[in-house]
């Protein structure tokens, strides 16, 4: 048994530099994988923020346009913009009700696909 320990100790002493290089290489690979994953997720988050901002602008201008259009139909600014507010409120309520199906699950699927694609 002691000879096996001696052989193992000799092996480790002889290959110490190789083992050290191997460990440093594995750490570097892990670091690069973290950088790649962080970069991809950061890009996805930036794209999501820009998309949300543009969607917000579309909703604002669409709401204003709808408000003026309905105002001309009802011959009343209050009625047109009031109805537009109710329509926007209905959209917000529907988005809140279906948030899991519309937002949470698709984002989870995209993140899982990104992670699974990296492993291949």
Protein backbone atom coordinates (compact mmCIF):
# COMPACT_ATOMS: atom_id res chain seq x y z
CA UNK A 1 0.00 0.00 0.00
CA UNK A 2 2.82 2.36 0.85
CA UNK A 3 4.47 1.68 -2.49
CA UNK A 4 1.24 2.67 -4.28
CA UNK A 5 1.21 5.97 -2.36
CA UNK A 6 4.86 6.47 -3.25
CA UNK A 7 4.17 5.78 -6.91
CA UNK A 8 1.23 8.18 -6.86
CA UNK A 9 3.32 10.81 -5.11
CA UNK A 10 6.13 10.35 -7.65
CA UNK A 11 3.64 10.57 -10.49
CA UNK A 12 2.19 13.81 -9.11
CA UNK A 13 5.67 15.27 -8.58
CA UNK A 14 6.73 14.37 -12.11
CA UNK A 15 3.59 15.73 -13.71
CA UNK A 16 3.02 18.70 -11.43
CA UNK A 17 3.57 21.26 -14.18
CA UNK A 18 1.17 19.44 -16.52
CA UNK A 19 -1.50 19.24 -13.82
CA UNK A 20 -1.04 22.92 -13.01
CA UNK A 21 -1.31 23.86 -16.71
CA UNK A 22 -4.39 21.67 -17.06
CA UNK A 23 -6.09 23.34 -14.07
CA UNK A 24 -5.27 26.82 -15.37
CA UNK A 25 -6.59 25.89 -18.81
CA UNK A 26 -9.86 24.56 -17.35
CA UNK A 27 -10.28 27.79 -15.35
CA UNK A 28 -9.66 29.87 -18.48
CA UNK A 29 -12.19 27.81 -20.47
CA UNK A 30 -14.78 28.28 -17.73
CA UNK A 31 -14.10 32.02 -17.63
CA UNK A 32 -14.52 32.31 -21.40
CA UNK A 33 -17.78 30.35 -21.26
CA UNK A 34 -19.08 32.74 -18.60
CA UNK A 35 -18.08 35.72 -20.73
CA UNK A 36 -19.84 34.25 -23.79
CA UNK A 37 -23.01 33.46 -21.84
CA UNK A 38 -23.03 36.89 -20.20
CA UNK A 39 -22.54 38.57 -23.58
CA UNK A 40 -25.41 36.69 -25.18
CA UNK A 41 -27.76 37.38 -22.29
CA UNK A 42 -26.73 41.05 -22.21
CA UNK A 43 -27.44 41.37 -25.92
CA UNK A 44 -30.83 39.76 -25.43
CA UNK A 45 -31.66 42.13 -22.56
CA UNK A 46 -30.58 45.20 -24.57
CA UNK A 47 -32.70 44.04 -27.51
CA UNK A 48 -35.64 43.51 -25.16
CA UNK A 49 -35.29 47.00 -23.64
CA UNK A 50 -35.13 48.66 -27.07
CA UNK A 51 -38.14 46.64 -28.26
CA UNK A 52 -40.16 47.59 -25.18
CA UNK A 53 -39.26 51.26 -25.68
CA UNK A 54 -40.34 51.17 -29.34
CA UNK A 55 -43.55 49.35 -28.42
CA UNK A 56 -44.21 52.03 -25.81
CA UNK A 57 -43.81 54.76 -28.44
CA UNK A 58 -46.13 52.91 -30.82
CA UNK A 59 -48.75 52.62 -28.08
CA UNK A 60 -48.50 56.32 -27.22
CA UNK A 61 -48.84 57.53 -30.79
CA UNK A 62 -51.46 54.89 -31.60
CA UNK A 63 -53.45 55.99 -28.54
CA UNK A 64 -53.25 59.64 -29.52
CA UNK A 65 -54.31 58.83 -33.09
CA UNK A 66 -57.18 56.64 -31.87
CA UNK A 67 -58.23 59.36 -29.42
CA UNK A 68 -58.41 62.03 -32.12
CA UNK A 69 -60.18 59.68 -34.52
CA UNK A 70 -62.81 58.71 -31.95
CA UNK A 71 -63.11 62.39 -30.96
CA UNK A 72 -64.01 63.25 -34.53
CA UNK A 73 -66.58 60.45 -34.64
CA UNK A 74 -68.25 61.42 -31.34
CA UNK A 75 -67.67 65.18 -31.82
CA UNK A 76 -66.24 65.26 -28.29
CA UNK A 77 -62.62 65.17 -27.19
CA UNK A 78 -63.61 63.84 -23.78
CA UNK A 79 -65.61 60.97 -25.26
CA UNK A 80 -62.92 60.07 -27.80
CA UNK A 81 -60.01 60.09 -25.38
CA UNK A 82 -62.13 58.54 -22.63
CA UNK A 83 -62.99 55.61 -24.89
CA UNK A 84 -59.34 55.35 -25.92
CA UNK A 85 -58.39 55.19 -22.23
CA UNK A 86 -60.89 52.39 -21.64
CA UNK A 87 -59.52 50.46 -24.64
CA UNK A 88 -55.95 50.87 -23.35
CA UNK A 89 -57.07 49.81 -19.87
CA UNK A 90 -58.71 46.70 -21.33
CA UNK A 91 -55.47 45.86 -23.17
CA UNK A 92 -53.46 46.27 -19.96
CA UNK A 93 -55.88 44.03 -18.04
CA UNK A 94 -55.71 41.36 -20.75
CA UNK A 95 -51.90 41.53 -20.77
CA UNK A 96 -51.87 41.16 -16.98
CA UNK A 97 -54.19 38.16 -17.13
CA UNK A 98 -52.23 36.41 -19.90
CA UNK A 99 -48.75 37.57 -18.84
CA UNK A 100 -47.53 34.06 -18.14
CA UNK A 101 -48.49 32.72 -21.58
CA UNK A 102 -47.43 35.87 -23.45
CA UNK A 103 -44.25 36.93 -21.65
CA UNK A 104 -42.91 34.66 -18.92
CA UNK A 105 -43.05 31.29 -20.69
CA UNK A 106 -41.61 32.57 -24.01
CA UNK A 107 -38.70 34.25 -22.20
CA UNK A 108 -38.00 31.06 -20.24
CA UNK A 109 -38.07 29.05 -23.49
CA UNK A 110 -35.65 31.46 -25.19
CA UNK A 111 -33.22 31.33 -22.26
CA UNK A 112 -33.37 27.53 -22.15
CA UNK A 113 -32.79 27.33 -25.91
CA UNK A 114 -29.84 29.73 -25.64
CA UNK A 115 -28.35 27.69 -22.81
CA UNK A 116 -28.96 24.36 -24.59
CA UNK A 117 -27.45 25.72 -27.80
CA UNK A 118 -24.28 26.71 -25.93
CA UNK A 119 -23.78 23.22 -24.58
CA UNK A 120 -23.67 21.70 -28.07
